[in-house]
Amino acid sequence: MKKNILSGLIVAILVVSCTKSTSKTETVENPDGSVTTTTTTVSENGIGVDTSKINDVKEKTESRIDEASRKIDKAAEDAKNKIDATADKTKENLHQAGQDVKKAAAEGASKVEEGAKKLKEDLSK
């Protein structure tokens, strides 16, 4: 993708920098004896490249850039979906672990209470 962008920029710079202008000056003597001077400036591409080829390259480069952008967007969306799915699974697992901890704590507390009752009975004898 970087190559496409760089090549497009290089072509654009080359076209702009290689434009040359020439000035033509014509001197014409009028029938009444006066002299008229006309200056004409002509711009032309110095590299001799047909602009239609440059436009074709530009269009191809833009289409490749658009295609690469779509691929990047699709990959980003896929990554986001995977991250969201992993986050949901992790959240579910943490919720289940919290439930297991609560259950184990309740069972442990009831065993401690039973042990305390037995100890109290033993001490009262």
Protein backbone atom coordinates (compact mmCIF):
# COMPACT_ATOMS: atom_id res chain seq x y z
CA MET A 1 0.00 0.00 0.00
CA LYS A 2 2.86 2.39 0.81
CA LYS A 3 4.38 1.68 -2.59
CA ASN A 4 1.14 2.67 -4.31
CA ILE A 5 0.86 5.92 -2.39
CA LEU A 6 4.50 6.79 -2.96
CA SER A 7 4.34 5.99 -6.67
CA GLY A 8 1.25 8.16 -7.05
CA LEU A 9 2.96 11.05 -5.28
CA ILE A 10 6.11 10.67 -7.37
CA VAL A 11 4.13 10.71 -10.61
CA ALA A 12 2.19 13.78 -9.49
CA ILE A 13 5.36 15.64 -8.49
CA LEU A 14 7.06 14.65 -11.72
CA VAL A 15 4.18 15.93 -13.82
CA VAL A 16 3.96 19.22 -11.95
CA SER A 17 7.70 19.85 -11.91
CA CYS A 18 8.22 18.96 -15.56
CA THR A 19 5.77 21.43 -17.02
CA LYS A 20 7.60 24.00 -19.10
CA SER A 21 6.35 27.16 -20.68
CA THR A 22 7.65 28.90 -23.72
CA SER A 23 6.96 32.42 -24.81
CA LYS A 24 6.66 33.40 -28.46
CA THR A 25 6.95 37.00 -29.49
CA GLU A 26 5.67 38.08 -32.90
CA THR A 27 6.24 41.46 -34.39
CA VAL A 28 3.90 42.48 -37.20
CA GLU A 29 4.12 45.67 -39.26
CA ASN A 30 0.71 47.14 -39.90
CA PRO A 31 -0.22 48.69 -43.26
CA ASP A 32 -0.17 52.15 -41.70
CA GLY A 33 3.48 51.66 -40.71
CA SER A 34 2.97 50.97 -36.99
CA VAL A 35 4.43 47.88 -35.41
CA THR A 36 2.37 45.47 -33.25
CA THR A 37 4.11 43.06 -30.89
CA THR A 38 2.20 39.96 -29.65
CA THR A 39 3.54 37.67 -26.92
CA THR A 40 2.07 34.17 -26.55
CA THR A 41 2.88 31.80 -23.68
CA VAL A 42 2.53 28.06 -24.33
CA SER A 43 2.69 25.46 -21.52
CA GLU A 44 3.56 21.88 -22.27
CA ASN A 45 4.61 18.78 -20.40
CA GLY A 46 8.37 18.53 -20.41
CA ILE A 47 8.41 14.78 -19.93
CA GLY A 48 6.38 14.03 -23.04
CA VAL A 49 3.89 11.80 -21.21
CA ASP A 50 0.30 11.56 -22.26
CA THR A 51 -1.92 12.86 -19.45
CA SER A 52 -4.43 10.09 -20.05
CA LYS A 53 -1.82 7.57 -18.91
CA ILE A 54 -1.18 9.60 -15.80
CA ASN A 55 -4.91 9.74 -15.08
CA ASP A 56 -5.15 5.96 -15.56
CA VAL A 57 -2.33 5.41 -13.07
CA LYS A 58 -3.98 7.84 -10.67
CA GLU A 59 -7.33 6.03 -10.90
CA LYS A 60 -5.68 2.63 -10.42
CA THR A 61 -3.77 3.94 -7.42
CA GLU A 62 -6.93 5.38 -5.88
CA SER A 63 -8.82 2.13 -6.42
CA ARG A 64 -6.00 0.15 -4.79
CA ILE A 65 -5.97 2.54 -1.86
CA ASP A 66 -9.75 2.19 -1.49
CA GLU A 67 -9.48 -1.60 -1.64
CA ALA A 68 -6.73 -1.60 0.99
CA SER A 69 -8.84 0.68 3.20
CA ARG A 70 -11.78 -1.71 2.94
CA LYS A 71 -9.54 -4.64 3.87
CA ILE A 72 -8.17 -2.75 6.87
CA ASP A 73 -11.69 -1.80 8.00
CA LYS A 74 -12.85 -5.41 7.68
CA ALA A 75 -9.85 -6.70 9.64
CA ALA A 76 -10.46 -4.10 12.35
CA GLU A 77 -14.14 -5.08 12.57
CA ASP A 78 -13.22 -8.77 12.82
CA ALA A 79 -10.69 -8.01 15.57
CA LYS A 80 -13.29 -5.95 17.45
CA ASN A 81 -15.80 -8.80 17.25
CA LYS A 82 -13.23 -11.29 18.55
CA ILE A 83 -12.29 -8.97 21.41
CA ASP A 84 -15.95 -8.45 22.31
CA ALA A 85 -16.58 -12.21 22.29
CA THR A 86 -13.53 -12.82 24.49
CA ALA A 87 -14.62 -10.07 26.89
CA ASP A 88 -18.13 -11.57 27.15
CA LYS A 89 -16.70 -15.04 27.84
CA THR A 90 -14.32 -13.64 30.46
CA LYS A 91 -17.16 -11.75 32.13
CA GLU A 92 -19.25 -14.93 32.21
CA ASN A 93 -16.35 -16.93 33.68
CA LEU A 94 -15.72 -14.31 36.37
CA HIS A 95 -19.41 -14.28 37.30
CA GLN A 96 -19.36 -18.07 37.62
CA ALA A 97 -16.18 -17.93 39.72
CA GLY A 98 -17.84 -15.37 42.02
CA GLN A 99 -20.84 -17.68 42.46
CA ASP A 100 -18.51 -20.59 43.27
CA VAL A 101 -16.66 -18.51 45.86
CA LYS A 102 -19.94 -17.47 47.52
CA LYS A 103 -21.11 -21.09 47.62
CA ALA A 104 -17.80 -22.29 49.08
CA ALA A 105 -17.84 -19.51 51.69
CA ALA A 106 -21.38 -20.43 52.72
CA GLU A 107 -20.45 -24.11 53.05
CA GLY A 108 -17.34 -23.20 55.04
CA ALA A 109 -19.34 -20.97 57.36
CA SER A 110 -21.90 -23.68 58.03
CA LYS A 111 -19.10 -26.17 58.84
CA VAL A 112 -17.56 -23.65 61.24
CA GLU A 113 -20.94 -23.19 62.93
CA GLU A 114 -21.37 -26.98 63.28
CA GLY A 115 -17.88 -27.25 64.71
CA ALA A 116 -18.58 -24.45 67.17
CA LYS A 117 -21.81 -26.17 68.31
CA LYS A 118 -19.97 -29.47 68.85
CA LEU A 119 -17.23 -27.70 70.78
CA LYS A 120 -19.81 -25.96 72.95
CA GLU A 121 -21.53 -29.29 73.64
CA ASP A 122 -18.22 -30.93 74.49
CA LEU A 123 -17.28 -28.08 76.83
CA SER A 124 -20.63 -28.18 78.59
CA LYS A 125 -20.22 -31.89 79.48
